[in-house]
Amino acid sequence: AVVSTQSTGGYEWNKYNQTHYDQDNPPPKIVQGYKFNIFYQDLIDPTSTPTYKLKKCPEDKDFKILTISAGPPYEDIAFKVLNREWEYSNRYSFKSQYSQGIFQLWFQFKRYRYRR
């Protein structure tokens, strides 16, 4: 399997950061989501769809283990991702699909509004 991963990052301009930072002195960058594209050309059963599972990371509670399994002849692939809530809406570019031998899993993390 050929794997292409990308993490989307940027600045979070919430009310707190707007009062303490500006464009010349920006807040720290944060990971806002991930994009996984995995190419499965040689699946024995091409009608079976790859699946993903999230498990707790035993050594670090700030992360989770994302496991993607497709079946023979491929082994499972695991990634360490941030332990934050996902945005499952298509509006926020959530995608979990398998077509033409490519499994795509794209997700953004939920944003929470800052309140005092």
N, C-alpha and C. Protein backbone atom coordinates (compact mmCIF):
# COMPACT_ATOMS: atom_id res chain seq x y z
N ALA A 1 0.85 -1.18 0.00
CA ALA A 1 0.00 0.00 0.00
C ALA A 1 0.89 1.24 0.00
N VAL A 2 0.50 2.19 -0.79
CA VAL A 2 1.20 3.47 -0.82
C VAL A 2 0.39 4.43 0.04
N VAL A 3 1.06 5.11 0.96
CA VAL A 3 0.37 5.97 1.92
C VAL A 3 0.78 7.41 1.71
N SER A 4 -0.21 8.30 1.69
CA SER A 4 0.04 9.72 1.62
C SER A 4 -0.71 10.37 2.78
N THR A 5 0.02 11.02 3.69
CA THR A 5 -0.62 11.65 4.84
C THR A 5 -0.27 13.13 4.86
N GLN A 6 -1.17 13.89 5.44
CA GLN A 6 -0.95 15.33 5.55
C GLN A 6 -1.70 15.82 6.78
N SER A 7 -1.05 16.63 7.57
CA SER A 7 -1.75 17.25 8.69
C SER A 7 -1.96 18.72 8.34
N THR A 8 -3.18 19.19 8.60
CA THR A 8 -3.47 20.59 8.31
C THR A 8 -3.29 21.37 9.61
N GLY A 9 -2.56 22.43 9.53
CA GLY A 9 -2.27 23.24 10.70
C GLY A 9 -2.56 24.70 10.44
N GLY A 10 -2.58 25.45 11.49
CA GLY A 10 -2.82 26.88 11.34
C GLY A 10 -2.93 27.53 12.70
N TYR A 11 -3.40 28.75 12.65
CA TYR A 11 -3.56 29.54 13.87
C TYR A 11 -5.03 29.51 14.28
N GLU A 12 -5.26 29.50 15.58
CA GLU A 12 -6.63 29.58 16.08
C GLU A 12 -6.84 30.99 16.61
N TRP A 13 -7.64 31.76 15.89
CA TRP A 13 -7.86 33.16 16.25
C TRP A 13 -9.11 33.28 17.12
N ASN A 14 -9.09 32.65 18.29
CA ASN A 14 -10.20 32.81 19.22
C ASN A 14 -10.05 34.15 19.96
N LYS A 15 -11.02 34.45 20.80
CA LYS A 15 -11.01 35.76 21.50
C LYS A 15 -9.75 35.95 22.34
N TYR A 16 -9.31 34.89 23.00
CA TYR A 16 -8.12 35.00 23.82
C TYR A 16 -6.91 35.35 22.97
N ASN A 17 -6.72 34.60 21.87
CA ASN A 17 -5.56 34.84 21.01
C ASN A 17 -5.65 36.19 20.30
N GLN A 18 -6.86 36.66 19.99
CA GLN A 18 -7.01 37.96 19.36
C GLN A 18 -6.56 39.09 20.27
N THR A 19 -6.76 38.92 21.58
CA THR A 19 -6.36 39.98 22.51
C THR A 19 -4.88 39.91 22.87
N HIS A 20 -4.26 38.72 22.75
CA HIS A 20 -2.86 38.57 23.17
C HIS A 20 -1.87 38.48 22.03
N TYR A 21 -2.35 38.32 20.78
CA TYR A 21 -1.46 38.18 19.62
C TYR A 21 -1.96 39.05 18.48
N ASP A 22 -1.09 39.26 17.48
CA ASP A 22 -1.50 39.95 16.26
C ASP A 22 -0.81 39.28 15.07
N GLN A 23 -0.97 39.85 13.86
CA GLN A 23 -0.40 39.25 12.66
C GLN A 23 1.13 39.19 12.71
N ASP A 24 1.76 40.17 13.33
CA ASP A 24 3.23 40.20 13.42
C ASP A 24 3.75 39.25 14.50
N ASN A 25 2.96 39.02 15.51
CA ASN A 25 3.32 38.11 16.59
C ASN A 25 2.18 37.09 16.75
N PRO A 26 2.11 36.07 15.86
CA PRO A 26 0.96 35.15 15.86
C PRO A 26 1.02 34.15 17.01
N PRO A 27 -0.14 33.55 17.33
CA PRO A 27 -0.15 32.50 18.36
C PRO A 27 0.54 31.25 17.83
N PRO A 28 0.81 30.28 18.69
CA PRO A 28 1.44 29.05 18.22
C PRO A 28 0.53 28.31 17.23
N LYS A 29 1.16 27.65 16.25
CA LYS A 29 0.37 26.87 15.29
C LYS A 29 -0.15 25.61 15.97
N ILE A 30 -1.36 25.21 15.56
CA ILE A 30 -1.95 23.99 16.09
C ILE A 30 -2.34 23.09 14.92
N VAL A 31 -2.45 21.78 15.20
CA VAL A 31 -2.93 20.83 14.19
C VAL A 31 -4.44 20.93 14.16
N GLN A 32 -5.00 21.19 12.97
CA GLN A 32 -6.45 21.36 12.84
C GLN A 32 -7.12 20.14 12.23
N GLY A 33 -6.35 19.20 11.67
CA GLY A 33 -6.95 18.01 11.09
C GLY A 33 -5.91 17.18 10.36
N TYR A 34 -6.38 16.09 9.76
CA TYR A 34 -5.50 15.18 9.02
C TYR A 34 -6.16 14.76 7.72
N LYS A 35 -5.32 14.39 6.74
CA LYS A 35 -5.79 13.80 5.49
C LYS A 35 -4.95 12.56 5.23
N PHE A 36 -5.63 11.42 5.11
CA PHE A 36 -4.96 10.15 4.80
C PHE A 36 -5.47 9.65 3.46
N ASN A 37 -4.56 9.38 2.53
CA ASN A 37 -4.88 8.77 1.25
C ASN A 37 -4.04 7.51 1.14
N ILE A 38 -4.70 6.36 1.08
CA ILE A 38 -3.99 5.08 1.05
C ILE A 38 -4.40 4.34 -0.21
N PHE A 39 -3.41 3.94 -1.00
CA PHE A 39 -3.65 3.30 -2.28
C PHE A 39 -3.53 1.78 -2.11
N TYR A 40 -4.64 1.08 -2.35
CA TYR A 40 -4.69 -0.38 -2.27
C TYR A 40 -4.95 -0.92 -3.67
N GLN A 41 -3.90 -1.24 -4.43
CA GLN A 41 -4.08 -1.71 -5.80
C GLN A 41 -4.32 -3.22 -5.87
N ASP A 42 -3.80 -3.99 -4.92
CA ASP A 42 -3.78 -5.45 -5.05
C ASP A 42 -4.67 -6.16 -4.04
N LEU A 43 -5.81 -5.57 -3.67
CA LEU A 43 -6.70 -6.25 -2.72
C LEU A 43 -7.24 -7.54 -3.34
N ILE A 44 -7.25 -8.61 -2.55
CA ILE A 44 -7.77 -9.89 -3.04
C ILE A 44 -9.28 -9.78 -3.28
N ASP A 45 -10.00 -9.13 -2.36
CA ASP A 45 -11.43 -8.92 -2.53
C ASP A 45 -11.68 -7.43 -2.79
N PRO A 46 -11.78 -7.01 -4.05
CA PRO A 46 -11.92 -5.58 -4.34
C PRO A 46 -13.25 -4.98 -3.89
N THR A 47 -14.24 -5.82 -3.53
CA THR A 47 -15.52 -5.29 -3.06
C THR A 47 -15.49 -4.94 -1.58
N SER A 48 -14.50 -5.44 -0.84
CA SER A 48 -14.42 -5.12 0.59
C SER A 48 -13.85 -3.72 0.78
N THR A 49 -14.43 -3.00 1.71
CA THR A 49 -14.03 -1.62 1.97
C THR A 49 -13.08 -1.56 3.16
N PRO A 50 -11.98 -0.85 3.07
CA PRO A 50 -11.11 -0.67 4.24
C PRO A 50 -11.85 0.05 5.37
N THR A 51 -11.49 -0.27 6.61
CA THR A 51 -12.14 0.34 7.77
C THR A 51 -11.08 0.98 8.67
N TYR A 52 -11.55 1.87 9.55
CA TYR A 52 -10.64 2.49 10.51
C TYR A 52 -11.22 2.36 11.91
N LYS A 53 -10.31 2.33 12.91
CA LYS A 53 -10.69 2.25 14.31
C LYS A 53 -9.81 3.20 15.11
N LEU A 54 -10.36 3.78 16.15
CA LEU A 54 -9.61 4.62 17.07
C LEU A 54 -9.49 3.91 18.40
N LYS A 55 -8.28 3.88 18.95
CA LYS A 55 -8.05 3.29 20.27
C LYS A 55 -7.26 4.29 21.11
N LYS A 56 -7.40 4.15 22.41
CA LYS A 56 -6.62 5.00 23.32
C LYS A 56 -5.15 4.64 23.21
N CYS A 57 -4.32 5.63 23.32
CA CYS A 57 -2.87 5.42 23.31
C CYS A 57 -2.45 5.14 24.76
N PRO A 58 -1.88 3.96 25.03
CA PRO A 58 -1.59 3.60 26.42
C PRO A 58 -0.53 4.48 27.09
N GLU A 59 0.44 4.97 26.32
CA GLU A 59 1.51 5.71 26.96
C GLU A 59 1.29 7.23 27.01
N ASP A 60 0.30 7.76 26.26
CA ASP A 60 0.09 9.20 26.23
C ASP A 60 -1.38 9.51 26.00
N LYS A 61 -2.05 10.14 26.98
CA LYS A 61 -3.48 10.40 26.85
C LYS A 61 -3.80 11.53 25.89
N ASP A 62 -2.79 12.28 25.42
CA ASP A 62 -3.02 13.35 24.45
C ASP A 62 -3.16 12.83 23.02
N PHE A 63 -2.93 11.54 22.82
CA PHE A 63 -2.97 10.95 21.48
C PHE A 63 -3.87 9.73 21.46
N LYS A 64 -4.31 9.37 20.24
CA LYS A 64 -5.04 8.13 20.00
C LYS A 64 -4.34 7.39 18.86
N ILE A 65 -4.59 6.10 18.78
CA ILE A 65 -4.03 5.28 17.71
C ILE A 65 -5.13 5.05 16.67
N LEU A 66 -4.90 5.51 15.46
CA LEU A 66 -5.82 5.31 14.34
C LEU A 66 -5.31 4.13 13.53
N THR A 67 -6.10 3.04 13.47
CA THR A 67 -5.71 1.83 12.75
C THR A 67 -6.59 1.68 11.53
N ILE A 68 -5.97 1.52 10.37
CA ILE A 68 -6.70 1.32 9.12
C ILE A 68 -6.39 -0.10 8.64
N SER A 69 -7.46 -0.88 8.43
CA SER A 69 -7.27 -2.26 7.97
C SER A 69 -8.08 -2.49 6.70
N ALA A 70 -7.44 -3.16 5.74
CA ALA A 70 -8.06 -3.38 4.44
C ALA A 70 -8.25 -4.85 4.12
N GLY A 71 -7.50 -5.73 4.75
CA GLY A 71 -7.60 -7.15 4.44
C GLY A 71 -6.42 -7.62 3.61
N PRO A 72 -6.41 -8.92 3.29
CA PRO A 72 -5.26 -9.48 2.57
C PRO A 72 -5.12 -8.88 1.19
N PRO A 73 -3.92 -8.70 0.70
CA PRO A 73 -2.61 -9.08 1.23
C PRO A 73 -1.96 -8.00 2.09
N TYR A 74 -2.72 -6.99 2.51
CA TYR A 74 -2.15 -5.86 3.24
C TYR A 74 -2.28 -6.05 4.74
N GLU A 75 -1.28 -5.56 5.47
CA GLU A 75 -1.34 -5.54 6.93
C GLU A 75 -1.98 -4.23 7.38
N ASP A 76 -2.39 -4.20 8.64
CA ASP A 76 -2.98 -2.98 9.19
C ASP A 76 -1.93 -1.88 9.28
N ILE A 77 -2.39 -0.65 9.12
CA ILE A 77 -1.51 0.52 9.23
C ILE A 77 -2.00 1.33 10.43
N ALA A 78 -1.09 1.77 11.29
CA ALA A 78 -1.47 2.54 12.47
C ALA A 78 -0.78 3.91 12.46
N PHE A 79 -1.53 4.92 12.90
CA PHE A 79 -1.02 6.28 13.00
C PHE A 79 -1.35 6.82 14.38
N LYS A 80 -0.49 7.69 14.88
CA LYS A 80 -0.70 8.35 16.16
C LYS A 80 -1.26 9.74 15.86
N VAL A 81 -2.51 9.99 16.26
CA VAL A 81 -3.17 11.27 15.99
C VAL A 81 -3.56 11.93 17.30
N LEU A 82 -3.82 13.21 17.27
CA LEU A 82 -4.20 13.94 18.47
C LEU A 82 -5.54 13.44 19.00
N ASN A 83 -5.68 13.43 20.30
CA ASN A 83 -6.90 12.99 20.96
C ASN A 83 -7.85 14.18 21.11
N ARG A 84 -8.50 14.53 20.00
CA ARG A 84 -9.48 15.61 20.01
C ARG A 84 -10.72 15.15 19.27
N GLU A 85 -11.83 15.81 19.51
CA GLU A 85 -13.09 15.41 18.89
C GLU A 85 -13.12 15.79 17.41
N TRP A 86 -13.62 14.88 16.58
CA TRP A 86 -13.66 15.08 15.14
C TRP A 86 -14.94 15.82 14.74
N GLU A 87 -14.84 16.56 13.65
CA GLU A 87 -16.00 17.20 13.02
C GLU A 87 -16.45 16.26 11.91
N TYR A 88 -17.62 15.63 12.05
CA TYR A 88 -18.08 14.63 11.09
C TYR A 88 -18.93 15.22 9.96
N SER A 89 -19.03 16.51 9.87
CA SER A 89 -19.87 17.14 8.85
C SER A 89 -19.12 17.26 7.52
N ASN A 90 -19.85 17.08 6.40
CA ASN A 90 -19.23 17.29 5.08
C ASN A 90 -18.82 18.74 4.90
N ARG A 91 -19.48 19.63 5.59
CA ARG A 91 -19.16 21.06 5.49
C ARG A 91 -17.71 21.33 5.93
N TYR A 92 -17.24 20.54 6.88
CA TYR A 92 -15.87 20.71 7.37
C TYR A 92 -14.93 19.67 6.78
N SER A 93 -15.23 19.26 5.56
CA SER A 93 -14.40 18.37 4.72
C SER A 93 -14.13 17.01 5.36
N PHE A 94 -15.14 16.44 6.05
CA PHE A 94 -14.98 15.05 6.51
C PHE A 94 -15.22 14.14 5.32
N LYS A 95 -14.31 13.19 5.13
CA LYS A 95 -14.45 12.24 4.03
C LYS A 95 -13.90 10.91 4.47
N SER A 96 -14.71 9.87 4.28
CA SER A 96 -14.28 8.50 4.53
C SER A 96 -14.86 7.68 3.39
N GLN A 97 -14.05 7.47 2.35
CA GLN A 97 -14.55 6.76 1.18
C GLN A 97 -13.48 5.88 0.58
N TYR A 98 -13.94 4.89 -0.15
CA TYR A 98 -13.05 3.98 -0.87
C TYR A 98 -13.57 3.87 -2.30
N SER A 99 -12.78 4.35 -3.24
CA SER A 99 -13.17 4.21 -4.65
C SER A 99 -11.91 4.14 -5.50
N GLN A 100 -11.96 3.31 -6.52
CA GLN A 100 -10.88 3.13 -7.49
C GLN A 100 -9.56 2.77 -6.81
N GLY A 101 -9.63 1.95 -5.77
CA GLY A 101 -8.44 1.48 -5.09
C GLY A 101 -7.80 2.48 -4.14
N ILE A 102 -8.48 3.58 -3.85
CA ILE A 102 -7.93 4.60 -2.95
C ILE A 102 -8.88 4.79 -1.77
N PHE A 103 -8.34 4.60 -0.56
CA PHE A 103 -9.11 4.86 0.66
C PHE A 103 -8.73 6.25 1.15
N GLN A 104 -9.73 7.11 1.31
CA GLN A 104 -9.49 8.48 1.78
C GLN A 104 -10.17 8.67 3.12
N LEU A 105 -9.43 9.17 4.09
CA LEU A 105 -9.98 9.54 5.39
C LEU A 105 -9.47 10.94 5.69
N TRP A 106 -10.37 11.90 5.59
CA TRP A 106 -10.04 13.30 5.87
C TRP A 106 -10.93 13.77 7.00
N PHE A 107 -10.34 14.46 7.97
CA PHE A 107 -11.16 15.02 9.06
C PHE A 107 -10.48 16.24 9.65
N GLN A 108 -11.32 17.13 10.19
CA GLN A 108 -10.89 18.31 10.93
C GLN A 108 -11.32 18.11 12.38
N PHE A 109 -10.66 18.82 13.28
CA PHE A 109 -11.06 18.77 14.68
C PHE A 109 -12.09 19.84 14.95
N LYS A 110 -12.97 19.56 15.92
CA LYS A 110 -13.98 20.54 16.30
C LYS A 110 -13.30 21.75 16.92
N ARG A 111 -13.89 22.89 16.65
CA ARG A 111 -13.39 24.13 17.26
C ARG A 111 -14.36 24.55 18.35
N TYR A 112 -13.81 24.94 19.46
CA TYR A 112 -14.64 25.38 20.57
C TYR A 112 -14.46 26.87 20.75
N ARG A 113 -15.56 27.54 21.00
CA ARG A 113 -15.52 28.99 21.20
C ARG A 113 -15.00 29.30 22.59
N TYR A 114 -14.12 30.30 22.67
CA TYR A 114 -13.56 30.71 23.96
C TYR A 114 -14.58 31.54 24.72
N ARG A 115 -14.86 31.14 25.96
CA ARG A 115 -15.76 31.92 26.82
C ARG A 115 -15.11 32.07 28.17
N ARG A 116 -15.28 33.27 28.75
CA ARG A 116 -14.73 33.50 30.06
C ARG A 116 -15.61 32.89 31.12
